[in-house]
Structure formats: structure tokens, C-alpha cells
PDB file of N, CA and C in Angstrom:
ATOM      1  N   SER A   1       0.833  -1.169   0.000  1.00  0.00           N
ATOM      2  CA  SER A   1       0.000   0.000   0.000  1.00  0.00           C
ATOM      3  C   SER A   1       0.877   1.230   0.000  1.00  0.00           C
ATOM      4  N   GLY A   2       0.432   2.280  -0.641  1.00  0.00           N
ATOM      5  CA  GLY A   2       1.229   3.471  -0.772  1.00  0.00           C
ATOM      6  C   GLY A   2       1.158   4.353   0.454  1.00  0.00           C
ATOM      7  N   ALA A   3       2.258   4.986   0.771  1.00  0.00           N
ATOM      8  CA  ALA A   3       2.273   5.945   1.862  1.00  0.00           C
ATOM      9  C   ALA A   3       1.776   7.261   1.317  1.00  0.00           C
ATOM     10  N   SER A   4       0.981   7.948   2.071  1.00  0.00           N
ATOM     11  CA  SER A   4       0.474   9.214   1.571  1.00  0.00           C
ATOM     12  C   SER A   4       1.068  10.343   2.381  1.00  0.00           C
ATOM     13  N   GLY A   5       1.483  11.388   1.708  1.00  0.00           N
ATOM     14  CA  GLY A   5       1.938  12.586   2.375  1.00  0.00           C
ATOM     15  C   GLY A   5       0.923  13.666   2.093  1.00  0.00           C
ATOM     16  N   VAL A   6       0.219  14.121   3.100  1.00  0.00           N
ATOM     17  CA  VAL A   6      -0.821  15.114   2.902  1.00  0.00           C
ATOM     18  C   VAL A   6      -0.399  16.378   3.615  1.00  0.00           C
ATOM     19  N   ARG A   7      -0.317  17.464   2.862  1.00  0.00           N
ATOM     20  CA  ARG A   7       0.057  18.737   3.451  1.00  0.00           C
ATOM     21  C   ARG A   7      -1.127  19.329   4.189  1.00  0.00           C
ATOM     22  N   HIS A   8      -0.844  20.187   5.161  1.00  0.00           N
ATOM     23  CA  HIS A   8      -1.904  20.822   5.934  1.00  0.00           C
ATOM     24  C   HIS A   8      -2.695  21.753   5.021  1.00  0.00           C
ATOM     25  N   PRO A   9      -4.040  21.779   5.100  1.00  0.00           N
ATOM     26  CA  PRO A   9      -4.865  22.548   4.183  1.00  0.00           C
ATOM     27  C   PRO A   9      -4.626  24.047   4.233  1.00  0.00           C
ATOM     28  N   ARG A  10      -4.157  24.570   5.349  1.00  0.00           N
ATOM     29  CA  ARG A  10      -3.917  26.006   5.414  1.00  0.00           C
ATOM     30  C   ARG A  10      -2.674  26.405   4.630  1.00  0.00           C
ATOM     31  N   SER A  11      -1.761  25.468   4.411  1.00  0.00           N
ATOM     32  CA  SER A  11      -0.530  25.786   3.704  1.00  0.00           C
ATOM     33  C   SER A  11      -0.695  25.675   2.195  1.00  0.00           C
ATOM     34  N   SER A  12      -1.668  24.913   1.736  1.00  0.00           N
ATOM     35  CA  SER A  12      -1.861  24.719   0.306  1.00  0.00           C
ATOM     36  C   SER A  12      -3.225  24.110   0.066  1.00  0.00           C
ATOM     37  N   SER A  13      -3.811  24.426  -1.098  1.00  0.00           N
ATOM     38  CA  SER A  13      -5.112  23.832  -1.415  1.00  0.00           C
ATOM     39  C   SER A  13      -4.930  22.561  -2.230  1.00  0.00           C
ATOM     40  N   ARG A  14      -3.719  22.057  -2.325  1.00  0.00           N
ATOM     41  CA  ARG A  14      -3.454  20.815  -3.053  1.00  0.00           C
ATOM     42  C   ARG A  14      -3.180  19.691  -2.077  1.00  0.00           C
ATOM     43  N   ARG A  15      -3.499  18.478  -2.495  1.00  0.00           N
ATOM     44  CA  ARG A  15      -3.210  17.293  -1.708  1.00  0.00           C
ATOM     45  C   ARG A  15      -2.170  16.491  -2.470  1.00  0.00           C
ATOM     46  N   GLN A  16      -1.251  15.880  -1.758  1.00  0.00           N
ATOM     47  CA  GLN A  16      -0.153  15.168  -2.394  1.00  0.00           C
ATOM     48  C   GLN A  16      -0.278  13.678  -2.109  1.00  0.00           C
ATOM     49  N   LEU A  17      -0.229  12.886  -3.174  1.00  0.00           N
ATOM     50  CA  LEU A  17      -0.287  11.436  -3.057  1.00  0.00           C
ATOM     51  C   LEU A  17       1.036  10.871  -3.543  1.00  0.00           C
ATOM     52  N   ARG A  18       1.575   9.880  -2.821  1.00  0.00           N
ATOM     53  CA  ARG A  18       2.857   9.294  -3.212  1.00  0.00           C
ATOM     54  C   ARG A  18       2.717   7.795  -3.388  1.00  0.00           C
ATOM     55  N   VAL A  19       3.483   7.258  -4.322  1.00  0.00           N
ATOM     56  CA  VAL A  19       3.563   5.811  -4.517  1.00  0.00           C
ATOM     57  C   VAL A  19       4.759   5.325  -3.718  1.00  0.00           C
ATOM     58  N   SER A  20       4.566   4.291  -2.909  1.00  0.00           N
ATOM     59  CA  SER A  20       5.663   3.808  -2.074  1.00  0.00           C
ATOM     60  C   SER A  20       6.718   3.108  -2.919  1.00  0.00           C
ATOM     61  N   ARG A  21       7.925   3.107  -2.421  1.00  0.00           N
ATOM     62  CA  ARG A  21       9.023   2.453  -3.134  1.00  0.00           C
ATOM     63  C   ARG A  21       8.879   0.939  -3.118  1.00  0.00           C
ATOM     64  N   GLU A  22       8.189   0.383  -2.108  1.00  0.00           N
ATOM     65  CA  GLU A  22       8.021  -1.063  -2.008  1.00  0.00           C
ATOM     66  C   GLU A  22       7.124  -1.617  -3.111  1.00  0.00           C
ATOM     67  N   SER A  23       6.346  -0.768  -3.761  1.00  0.00           N
ATOM     68  CA  SER A  23       5.424  -1.251  -4.785  1.00  0.00           C
ATOM     69  C   SER A  23       6.155  -1.684  -6.054  1.00  0.00           C
ATOM     70  N   GLY A  24       7.433  -1.330  -6.186  1.00  0.00           N
ATOM     71  CA  GLY A  24       8.194  -1.703  -7.370  1.00  0.00           C
ATOM     72  C   GLY A  24       8.046  -0.703  -8.509  1.00  0.00           C
ATOM     73  N   LEU A  25       7.145   0.260  -8.365  1.00  0.00           N
ATOM     74  CA  LEU A  25       6.966   1.285  -9.387  1.00  0.00           C
ATOM     75  C   LEU A  25       7.923   2.434  -9.121  1.00  0.00           C
ATOM     76  N   PRO A  26       8.262   3.191 -10.169  1.00  0.00           N
ATOM     77  CA  PRO A  26       9.131   4.340  -9.938  1.00  0.00           C
ATOM     78  C   PRO A  26       8.413   5.356  -9.043  1.00  0.00           C
ATOM     79  N   ALA A  27       9.171   6.044  -8.187  1.00  0.00           N
ATOM     80  CA  ALA A  27       8.583   7.035  -7.292  1.00  0.00           C
ATOM     81  C   ALA A  27       7.991   8.169  -8.122  1.00  0.00           C
ATOM     82  N   ARG A  28       6.794   8.597  -7.746  1.00  0.00           N
ATOM     83  CA  ARG A  28       6.169   9.724  -8.435  1.00  0.00           C
ATOM     84  C   ARG A  28       5.187  10.387  -7.479  1.00  0.00           C
ATOM     85  N   THR A  29       4.832  11.597  -7.780  1.00  0.00           N
ATOM     86  CA  THR A  29       3.929  12.369  -6.947  1.00  0.00           C
ATOM     87  C   THR A  29       2.813  12.907  -7.820  1.00  0.00           C
ATOM     88  N   PHE A  30       1.597  12.893  -7.288  1.00  0.00           N
ATOM     89  CA  PHE A  30       0.440  13.418  -8.009  1.00  0.00           C
ATOM     90  C   PHE A  30      -0.350  14.278  -7.038  1.00  0.00           C
ATOM     91  N   THR A  31      -0.623  15.503  -7.407  1.00  0.00           N
ATOM     92  CA  THR A  31      -1.385  16.381  -6.528  1.00  0.00           C
ATOM     93  C   THR A  31      -2.747  16.668  -7.138  1.00  0.00           C
ATOM     94  N   VAL A  32      -3.728  16.848  -6.267  1.00  0.00           N
ATOM     95  CA  VAL A  32      -5.066  17.235  -6.704  1.00  0.00           C
ATOM     96  C   VAL A  32      -5.493  18.448  -5.888  1.00  0.00           C
ATOM     97  N   THR A  33      -6.205  19.351  -6.534  1.00  0.00           N
ATOM     98  CA  THR A  33      -6.730  20.514  -5.837  1.00  0.00           C
ATOM     99  C   THR A  33      -7.985  20.110  -5.080  1.00  0.00           C
ATOM    100  N   ALA A  34      -8.419  20.965  -4.177  1.00  0.00           N
ATOM    101  CA  ALA A  34      -9.643  20.681  -3.413  1.00  0.00           C
ATOM    102  C   ALA A  34     -10.852  20.518  -4.338  1.00  0.00           C
ATOM    103  N   PRO A  35     -11.040  21.368  -5.363  1.00  0.00           N
ATOM    104  CA  PRO A  35     -12.172  21.145  -6.274  1.00  0.00           C
ATOM    105  C   PRO A  35     -12.070  19.822  -7.047  1.00  0.00           C
ATOM    106  N   GLU A  36     -10.848  19.419  -7.428  1.00  0.00           N
ATOM    107  CA  GLU A  36     -10.680  18.134  -8.111  1.00  0.00           C
ATOM    108  C   GLU A  36     -11.026  16.980  -7.181  1.00  0.00           C
ATOM    109  N   LEU A  37     -10.603  17.071  -5.919  1.00  0.00           N
ATOM    110  CA  LEU A  37     -10.921  16.038  -4.940  1.00  0.00           C
ATOM    111  C   LEU A  37     -12.427  15.971  -4.714  1.00  0.00           C
ATOM    112  N   ALA A  38     -13.078  17.126  -4.631  1.00  0.00           N
ATOM    113  CA  ALA A  38     -14.533  17.163  -4.461  1.00  0.00           C
ATOM    114  C   ALA A  38     -15.225  16.494  -5.643  1.00  0.00           C
ATOM    115  N   HIS A  39     -14.720  16.737  -6.836  1.00  0.00           N
ATOM    116  CA  HIS A  39     -15.299  16.112  -8.033  1.00  0.00           C
ATOM    117  C   HIS A  39     -15.094  14.598  -7.999  1.00  0.00           C
ATOM    118  N   LEU A  40     -13.890  14.154  -7.637  1.00  0.00           N
ATOM    119  CA  LEU A  40     -13.598  12.719  -7.582  1.00  0.00           C
ATOM    120  C   LEU A  40     -14.458  12.002  -6.543  1.00  0.00           C
ATOM    121  N   LEU A  41     -14.765  12.672  -5.434  1.00  0.00           N
ATOM    122  CA  LEU A  41     -15.567  12.070  -4.372  1.00  0.00           C
ATOM    123  C   LEU A  41     -17.067  12.264  -4.571  1.00  0.00           C
ATOM    124  N   GLY A  42     -17.447  13.000  -5.623  1.00  0.00           N
ATOM    125  CA  GLY A  42     -18.867  13.262  -5.854  1.00  0.00           C
ATOM    126  C   GLY A  42     -19.444  14.188  -4.796  1.00  0.00           C
ATOM    127  N   TRP A  43     -18.626  15.121  -4.324  1.00  0.00           N
ATOM    128  CA  TRP A  43     -19.042  16.021  -3.255  1.00  0.00           C
ATOM    129  C   TRP A  43     -19.905  17.138  -3.823  1.00  0.00           C
ATOM    130  N   GLU A  44     -21.049  17.343  -3.222  1.00  0.00           N
ATOM    131  CA  GLU A  44     -21.924  18.467  -3.565  1.00  0.00           C
ATOM    132  C   GLU A  44     -22.515  18.988  -2.276  1.00  0.00           C
ATOM    133  N   ARG A  45     -23.009  20.202  -2.323  1.00  0.00           N
ATOM    134  CA  ARG A  45     -23.718  20.727  -1.150  1.00  0.00           C
ATOM    135  C   ARG A  45     -25.008  19.940  -1.021  1.00  0.00           C
ATOM    136  N   HIS A  46     -25.193  19.262   0.095  1.00  0.00           N
ATOM    137  CA  HIS A  46     -26.355  18.406   0.299  1.00  0.00           C
ATOM    138  C   HIS A  46     -27.280  19.001   1.351  1.00  0.00           C
ATOM    139  N   SER A  47     -28.559  18.689   1.194  1.00  0.00           N
ATOM    140  CA  SER A  47     -29.505  19.021   2.255  1.00  0.00           C
ATOM    141  C   SER A  47     -29.330  18.007   3.379  1.00  0.00           C
ATOM    142  N   ASP A  48     -29.956  18.246   4.513  1.00  0.00           N
ATOM    143  CA  ASP A  48     -29.818  17.329   5.654  1.00  0.00           C
ATOM    144  C   ASP A  48     -30.307  15.925   5.336  1.00  0.00           C
ATOM    145  N   SER A  49     -31.283  15.796   4.442  1.00  0.00           N
ATOM    146  CA  SER A  49     -31.833  14.472   4.143  1.00  0.00           C
ATOM    147  C   SER A  49     -30.964  13.682   3.170  1.00  0.00           C
ATOM    148  N   ASN A  50     -30.060  14.356   2.472  1.00  0.00           N
ATOM    149  CA  ASN A  50     -29.252  13.684   1.451  1.00  0.00           C
ATOM    150  C   ASN A  50     -27.775  14.026   1.653  1.00  0.00           C
ATOM    151  N   LYS A  51     -27.198  13.570   2.764  1.00  0.00           N
ATOM    152  CA  LYS A  51     -25.804  13.889   3.066  1.00  0.00           C
ATOM    153  C   LYS A  51     -24.851  12.920   2.378  1.00  0.00           C
ATOM    154  N   HIS A  52     -23.643  13.407   2.150  1.00  0.00           N
ATOM    155  CA  HIS A  52     -22.580  12.595   1.560  1.00  0.00           C
ATOM    156  C   HIS A  52     -22.170  11.507   2.566  1.00  0.00           C
ATOM    157  N   PRO A  53     -21.762  10.328   2.091  1.00  0.00           N
ATOM    158  CA  PRO A  53     -21.355   9.234   3.001  1.00  0.00           C
ATOM    159  C   PRO A  53     -20.193   9.590   3.936  1.00  0.00           C
ATOM    160  N   LEU A  54     -19.385  10.591   3.584  1.00  0.00           N
ATOM    161  CA  LEU A  54     -18.291  10.986   4.479  1.00  0.00           C
ATOM    162  C   LEU A  54     -18.816  11.480   5.825  1.00  0.00           C
ATOM    163  N   TYR A  55     -20.014  12.062   5.835  1.00  0.00           N
ATOM    164  CA  TYR A  55     -20.602  12.499   7.101  1.00  0.00           C
ATOM    165  C   TYR A  55     -20.890  11.299   8.000  1.00  0.00           C
ATOM    166  N   ALA A  56     -21.373  10.205   7.410  1.00  0.00           N
ATOM    167  CA  ALA A  56     -21.644   8.990   8.190  1.00  0.00           C
ATOM    168  C   ALA A  56     -20.340   8.407   8.726  1.00  0.00           C
ATOM    169  N   VAL A  57     -19.292   8.414   7.903  1.00  0.00           N
ATOM    170  CA  VAL A  57     -17.980   7.924   8.346  1.00  0.00           C
ATOM    171  C   VAL A  57     -17.484   8.777   9.514  1.00  0.00           C
ATOM    172  N   ASP A  58     -17.634  10.095   9.390  1.00  0.00           N
ATOM    173  CA  ASP A  58     -17.205  11.000  10.449  1.00  0.00           C
ATOM    174  C   ASP A  58     -17.975  10.732  11.741  1.00  0.00           C
ATOM    175  N   THR A  59     -19.281  10.529  11.635  1.00  0.00           N
ATOM    176  CA  THR A  59     -20.101  10.245  12.816  1.00  0.00           C
ATOM    177  C   THR A  59     -19.665   8.946  13.490  1.00  0.00           C
ATOM    178  N   LEU A  60     -19.442   7.905  12.698  1.00  0.00           N
ATOM    179  CA  LEU A  60     -19.001   6.621  13.258  1.00  0.00           C
ATOM    180  C   LEU A  60     -17.634   6.744  13.934  1.00  0.00           C
ATOM    181  N   LEU A  61     -16.740   7.505  13.313  1.00  0.00           N
ATOM    182  CA  LEU A  61     -15.416   7.698  13.915  1.00  0.00           C
ATOM    183  C   LEU A  61     -15.516   8.488  15.216  1.00  0.00           C
ATOM    184  N   GLN A  62     -16.384   9.493  15.251  1.00  0.00           N
ATOM    185  CA  GLN A  62     -16.564  10.281  16.478  1.00  0.00           C
ATOM    186  C   GLN A  62     -17.075   9.391  17.610  1.00  0.00           C
ATOM    187  N   GLU A  63     -18.005   8.479  17.277  1.00  0.00           N
ATOM    188  CA  GLU A  63     -18.545   7.564  18.287  1.00  0.00           C
ATOM    189  C   GLU A  63     -17.480   6.572  18.764  1.00  0.00           C
ATOM    190  N   GLY A  64     -16.687   6.043  17.832  1.00  0.00           N
ATOM    191  CA  GLY A  64     -15.661   5.065  18.182  1.00  0.00           C
ATOM    192  C   GLY A  64     -14.442   5.676  18.832  1.00  0.00           C
ATOM    193  N   ARG A  65     -14.293   6.971  18.694  1.00  0.00           N
ATOM    194  CA  ARG A  65     -13.140   7.687  19.224  1.00  0.00           C
ATOM    195  C   ARG A  65     -13.051   7.563  20.749  1.00  0.00           C
ATOM    196  N   ALA A  66     -14.200   7.547  21.420  1.00  0.00           N
ATOM    197  CA  ALA A  66     -14.208   7.452  22.884  1.00  0.00           C
ATOM    198  C   ALA A  66     -13.682   6.100  23.361  1.00  0.00           C
ATOM    199  N   GLU A  67     -13.924   5.064  22.580  1.00  0.00           N
ATOM    200  CA  GLU A  67     -13.516   3.717  22.961  1.00  0.00           C
ATOM    201  C   GLU A  67     -12.096   3.369  22.521  1.00  0.00           C
ATOM    202  N   ASP A  68     -11.649   3.973  21.424  1.00  0.00           N
ATOM    203  CA  ASP A  68     -10.360   3.592  20.846  1.00  0.00           C
ATOM    204  C   ASP A  68      -9.547   4.844  20.528  1.00  0.00           C
ATOM    205  N   GLU A  69      -8.495   5.081  21.285  1.00  0.00           N
ATOM    206  CA  GLU A  69      -7.668   6.274  21.102  1.00  0.00           C
ATOM    207  C   GLU A  69      -6.918   6.278  19.776  1.00  0.00           C
ATOM    208  N   THR A  70      -6.724   5.108  19.186  1.00  0.00           N
ATOM    209  CA  THR A  70      -5.984   5.056  17.924  1.00  0.00           C
ATOM    210  C   THR A  70      -6.769   5.689  16.785  1.00  0.00           C
ATOM    211  N   LEU A  71      -8.060   5.910  16.962  1.00  0.00           N
ATOM    212  CA  LEU A  71      -8.883   6.540  15.924  1.00  0.00           C
ATOM    213  C   LEU A  71      -8.793   8.063  15.953  1.00  0.00           C
ATOM    214  N   GLU A  72      -8.113   8.598  16.945  1.00  0.00           N
ATOM    215  CA  GLU A  72      -8.042  10.049  17.136  1.00  0.00           C
ATOM    216  C   GLU A  72      -7.546  10.780  15.884  1.00  0.00           C
ATOM    217  N   THR A  73      -6.402  10.378  15.363  1.00  0.00           N
ATOM    218  CA  THR A  73      -5.821  11.046  14.200  1.00  0.00           C
ATOM    219  C   THR A  73      -6.690  10.867  12.965  1.00  0.00           C
ATOM    220  N   LEU A  74      -7.192   9.655  12.753  1.00  0.00           N
ATOM    221  CA  LEU A  74      -8.062   9.399  11.608  1.00  0.00           C
ATOM    222  C   LEU A  74      -9.313  10.259  11.688  1.00  0.00           C
ATOM    223  N   CYS A  75      -9.880  10.353  12.869  1.00  0.00           N
ATOM    224  CA  CYS A  75     -11.082  11.158  13.084  1.00  0.00           C
ATOM    225  C   CYS A  75     -10.807  12.628  12.755  1.00  0.00           C
ATOM    226  N   GLU A  76      -9.698  13.148  13.230  1.00  0.00           N
ATOM    227  CA  GLU A  76      -9.326  14.536  12.950  1.00  0.00           C
ATOM    228  C   GLU A  76      -9.112  14.758  11.459  1.00  0.00           C
ATOM    229  N   ASN A  77      -8.473  13.799  10.779  1.00  0.00           N
ATOM    230  CA  ASN A  77      -8.226  13.935   9.344  1.00  0.00           C
ATOM    231  C   ASN A  77      -9.519  13.923   8.535  1.00  0.00           C
ATOM    232  N   VAL A  78     -10.466  13.058   8.891  1.00  0.00           N
ATOM    233  CA  VAL A  78     -11.744  13.007   8.168  1.00  0.00           C
ATOM    234  C   VAL A  78     -12.526  14.294   8.406  1.00  0.00           C
ATOM    235  N   THR A  79     -12.528  14.783   9.641  1.00  0.00           N
ATOM    236  CA  THR A  79     -13.209  16.043   9.948  1.00  0.00           C
ATOM    237  C   THR A  79     -12.587  17.189   9.167  1.00  0.00           C
ATOM    238  N   GLU A  80     -11.264  17.218   9.088  1.00  0.00           N
ATOM    239  CA  GLU A  80     -10.565  18.260   8.330  1.00  0.00           C
ATOM    240  C   GLU A  80     -10.849  18.132   6.831  1.00  0.00           C
ATOM    241  N   LEU A  81     -10.936  16.908   6.329  1.00  0.00           N
ATOM    242  CA  LEU A  81     -11.271  16.688   4.919  1.00  0.00           C
ATOM    243  C   LEU A  81     -12.662  17.226   4.615  1.00  0.00           C
ATOM    244  N   ILE A  82     -13.621  16.946   5.488  1.00  0.00           N
ATOM    245  CA  ILE A  82     -14.984  17.454   5.288  1.00  0.00           C
ATOM    246  C   ILE A  82     -14.983  18.978   5.311  1.00  0.00           C
ATOM    247  N   ARG A  83     -14.251  19.571   6.254  1.00  0.00           N
ATOM    248  CA  ARG A  83     -14.169  21.030   6.323  1.00  0.00           C
ATOM    249  C   ARG A  83     -13.563  21.606   5.044  1.00  0.00           C
ATOM    250  N   LEU A  84     -12.517  20.961   4.541  1.00  0.00           N
ATOM    251  CA  LEU A  84     -11.879  21.408   3.307  1.00  0.00           C
ATOM    252  C   LEU A  84     -12.846  21.325   2.134  1.00  0.00           C
ATOM    253  N   LEU A  85     -13.567  20.214   2.034  1.00  0.00           N
ATOM    254  CA  LEU A  85     -14.514  20.047   0.938  1.00  0.00           C
ATOM    255  C   LEU A  85     -15.659  21.051   1.031  1.00  0.00           C
ATOM    256  N   GLU A  86     -16.100  21.367   2.240  1.00  0.00           N
ATOM    257  CA  GLU A  86     -17.179  22.339   2.407  1.00  0.00           C
ATOM    258  C   GLU A  86     -16.740  23.744   2.024  1.00  0.00           C
ATOM    259  N   THR A  87     -15.486  24.088   2.323  1.00  0.00           N
ATOM    260  CA  THR A  87     -15.026  25.449   2.047  1.00  0.00           C
ATOM    261  C   THR A  87     -14.457  25.617   0.640  1.00  0.00           C
ATOM    262  N   ASP A  88     -13.582  24.713   0.224  1.00  0.00           N
ATOM    263  CA  ASP A  88     -12.896  24.873  -1.063  1.00  0.00           C
ATOM    264  C   ASP A  88     -13.435  23.976  -2.167  1.00  0.00           C
ATOM    265  N   GLY A  89     -14.258  22.999  -1.828  1.00  0.00           N
ATOM    266  CA  GLY A  89     -14.740  22.042  -2.823  1.00  0.00           C
ATOM    267  C   GLY A  89     -15.705  22.620  -3.833  1.00  0.00           C
ATOM    268  N   ALA A  90     -16.341  23.733  -3.505  1.00  0.00           N
ATOM    269  CA  ALA A  90     -17.323  24.328  -4.412  1.00  0.00           C
ATOM    270  C   ALA A  90     -16.678  25.223  -5.466  1.00  0.00           C
ATOM    271  N   LYS A  91     -15.398  25.470  -5.355  1.00  0.00           N
ATOM    272  CA  LYS A  91     -14.712  26.304  -6.349  1.00  0.00           C
ATOM    273  C   LYS A  91     -14.710  25.593  -7.693  1.00  0.00           C
ATOM    274  N   PRO A  92     -14.677  26.353  -8.792  1.00  0.00           N
ATOM    275  CA  PRO A  92     -14.697  25.714 -10.119  1.00  0.00           C
ATOM    276  C   PRO A  92     -13.403  24.955 -10.413  1.00  0.00           C
ATOM    277  N   LEU A  93     -13.542  23.890 -11.198  1.00  0.00           N
ATOM    278  CA  LEU A  93     -12.377  23.102 -11.620  1.00  0.00           C
ATOM    279  C   LEU A  93     -11.569  23.888 -12.633  1.00  0.00           C
ATOM    280  N   GLU A  94     -10.271  23.837 -12.504  1.00  0.00           N
ATOM    281  CA  GLU A  94      -9.381  24.477 -13.468  1.00  0.00           C
ATOM    282  C   GLU A  94      -8.795  23.394 -14.358  1.00  0.00           C
ATOM    283  N   PRO A  95      -8.982  23.499 -15.670  1.00  0.00           N
ATOM    284  CA  PRO A  95      -8.420  22.464 -16.551  1.00  0.00           C
ATOM    285  C   PRO A  95      -6.890  22.502 -16.517  1.00  0.00           C
ATOM    286  N   ARG A  96      -6.290  21.321 -16.580  1.00  0.00           N
ATOM    287  CA  ARG A  96      -4.826  21.240 -16.613  1.00  0.00           C
ATOM    288  C   ARG A  96      -4.410  20.000 -17.378  1.00  0.00           C
ATOM    289  N   GLU A  97      -3.188  20.042 -17.859  1.00  0.00           N
ATOM    290  CA  GLU A  97      -2.618  18.928 -18.607  1.00  0.00           C
ATOM    291  C   GLU A  97      -2.032  17.909 -17.644  1.00  0.00           C
ATOM    292  N   LEU A  98      -2.345  16.661 -17.858  1.00  0.00           N
ATOM    293  CA  LEU A  98      -1.745  15.587 -17.072  1.00  0.00           C
ATOM    294  C   LEU A  98      -0.800  14.807 -17.972  1.00  0.00           C
ATOM    295  N   SER A  99       0.418  14.650 -17.526  1.00  0.00           N
ATOM    296  CA  SER A  99       1.378  13.892 -18.323  1.00  0.00           C
ATOM    297  C   SER A  99       1.254  12.409 -17.998  1.00  0.00           C
ATOM    298  N   GLU A 100       1.496  11.591 -18.986  1.00  0.00           N
ATOM    299  CA  GLU A 100       1.439  10.134 -18.816  1.00  0.00           C
ATOM    300  C   GLU A 100       2.648   9.692 -18.001  1.00  0.00           C
ATOM    301  N   PRO A 101       2.456   8.879 -16.965  1.00  0.00           N
ATOM    302  CA  PRO A 101       3.605   8.446 -16.158  1.00  0.00           C
ATOM    303  C   PRO A 101       4.526   7.530 -16.960  1.00  0.00           C
ATOM    304  N   MET A 102       5.814   7.648 -16.694  1.00  0.00           N
ATOM    305  CA  MET A 102       6.798   6.794 -17.356  1.00  0.00           C
ATOM    306  C   MET A 102       6.979   5.540 -16.507  1.00  0.00           C
ATOM    307  N   LEU A 103       6.539   4.411 -17.022  1.00  0.00           N
ATOM    308  CA  LEU A 103       6.656   3.140 -16.310  1.00  0.00           C
ATOM    309  C   LEU A 103       7.837   2.351 -16.852  1.00  0.00           C
ATOM    310  N   PRO A 104       8.424   1.481 -16.050  1.00  0.00           N
ATOM    311  CA  PRO A 104       9.542   0.678 -16.542  1.00  0.00           C
ATOM    312  C   PRO A 104       9.063  -0.294 -17.618  1.00  0.00           C
ATOM    313  N   ALA A 105       9.995  -0.683 -18.486  1.00  0.00           N
ATOM    314  CA  ALA A 105       9.654  -1.641 -19.543  1.00  0.00           C
ATOM    315  C   ALA A 105       9.257  -2.972 -18.908  1.00  0.00           C
ATOM    316  N   PRO A 106       8.221  -3.614 -19.436  1.00  0.00           N
ATOM    317  CA  PRO A 106       7.802  -4.895 -18.852  1.00  0.00           C
ATOM    318  C   PRO A 106       8.829  -5.988 -19.143  1.00  0.00           C
ATOM    319  N   ASP A 107       8.841  -7.008 -18.293  1.00  0.00           N
ATOM    320  CA  ASP A 107       9.703  -8.165 -18.529  1.00  0.00           C
ATOM    321  C   ASP A 107       9.195  -8.918 -19.754  1.00  0.00           C
ATOM    322  N   SER A 108      10.110  -9.580 -20.439  1.00  0.00           N
ATOM    323  CA  SER A 108       9.699 -10.377 -21.597  1.00  0.00           C
ATOM    324  C   SER A 108       8.859 -11.560 -21.125  1.00  0.00           C
ATOM    325  N   LEU A 109       8.104 -12.155 -22.034  1.00  0.00           N
ATOM    326  CA  LEU A 109       7.288 -13.317 -21.694  1.00  0.00           C
ATOM    327  C   LEU A 109       8.146 -14.457 -21.156  1.00  0.00           C
ATOM    328  N   LEU A 110       9.319 -14.641 -21.757  1.00  0.00           N
ATOM    329  CA  LEU A 110      10.215 -15.703 -21.307  1.00  0.00           C
ATOM    330  C   LEU A 110      10.660 -15.463 -19.859  1.00  0.00           C
ATOM    331  N   ALA A 111      10.994 -14.212 -19.529  1.00  0.00           N
ATOM    332  CA  ALA A 111      11.415 -13.890 -18.162  1.00  0.00           C
ATOM    333  C   ALA A 111      10.256 -14.075 -17.184  1.00  0.00           C
ATOM    334  N   GLN A 112       9.049 -13.677 -17.584  1.00  0.00           N
ATOM    335  CA  GLN A 112       7.880 -13.862 -16.725  1.00  0.00           C
ATOM    336  C   GLN A 112       7.604 -15.350 -16.512  1.00  0.00           C
ATOM    337  N   TRP A 113       7.734 -16.133 -17.593  1.00  0.00           N
ATOM    338  CA  TRP A 113       7.461 -17.570 -17.516  1.00  0.00           C
ATOM    339  C   TRP A 113       8.458 -18.260 -16.590  1.00  0.00           C
ATOM    340  N   SER A 114       9.745 -17.882 -16.710  1.00  0.00           N
ATOM    341  CA  SER A 114      10.760 -18.541 -15.889  1.00  0.00           C
ATOM    342  C   SER A 114      10.676 -18.099 -14.420  1.00  0.00           C
ATOM    343  N   ALA A 115      10.067 -16.960 -14.139  1.00  0.00           N
ATOM    344  CA  ALA A 115       9.951 -16.470 -12.764  1.00  0.00           C
ATOM    345  C   ALA A 115       8.662 -16.915 -12.084  1.00  0.00           C
ATOM    346  N   ARG A 116       7.825 -17.674 -12.790  1.00  0.00           N
ATOM    347  CA  ARG A 116       6.538 -18.086 -12.213  1.00  0.00           C
ATOM    348  C   ARG A 116       6.760 -19.069 -11.073  1.00  0.00           C
ATOM    349  N   PRO A 117       5.894 -19.025 -10.068  1.00  0.00           N
ATOM    350  CA  PRO A 117       6.008 -20.022  -8.994  1.00  0.00           C
ATOM    351  C   PRO A 117       5.508 -21.374  -9.491  1.00  0.00           C
ATOM    352  N   VAL A 118       6.233 -22.416  -9.182  1.00  0.00           N
ATOM    353  CA  VAL A 118       5.858 -23.758  -9.649  1.00  0.00           C
ATOM    354  C   VAL A 118       5.390 -24.597  -8.497  1.00  0.00           C
TER     355      VAL A 118
END
């Protein structure tokens, strides 16, 4: 699983995602703006009767927080994510160019065949 480095929302409106070195892929970084994240999550301003599922996750984490201290950081991060989406998620999307990632050349069929578990 990839390690994520997320900058504090007050320092930048972008979020940074990293691919871990253990995955075997070349290291790379991809950032998304708050409006892009809102679009990816299907975030919209909802009425009380039609809330986004993140609110339910936040409620469950708040309830479990009293019983399990290890949920403290996760709970704070989800609450901060909701706050970010509520404040910056409604901004318009800005179009941008995404470059295709450079992946290593695949192994030949012969190399894959000889490396198979028997």
C-alpha cells in the first residue's frame, strides 16, 4: 500500500499522493486541488436528508473515538477533509494537462514464464 503525504490545508489547497518504493513502481507524486478532490468524491452541497457518506464515516469515527484512542488522528483527518470540501470544494475546476507516467519496460514473456512459482 502506498504511503500518503498530505500537506496541511492552510498551507496549500493541493493534496499530495505518493507511490511507495516497495510497490516496485518508480517514485512519483500526483497532486489534486480541493475542487478536483470534491469532483472525484462526488461532493456536492447536500440538504440534511441527502448527506454525503463521508458524514456517516465522520459520525461513526466520532462515536468510536471514545472507545479507541488510535482513531483520534483518523477522526481529525476526516473532519478536516470534510471542512476542506465544504469550504474549497465548491470552487470551479481548473483544466490542466496531465502527463502520462513513465513506467519501466515490462519483462519479456520468457522472463515472466521462468519467474513463475511452480
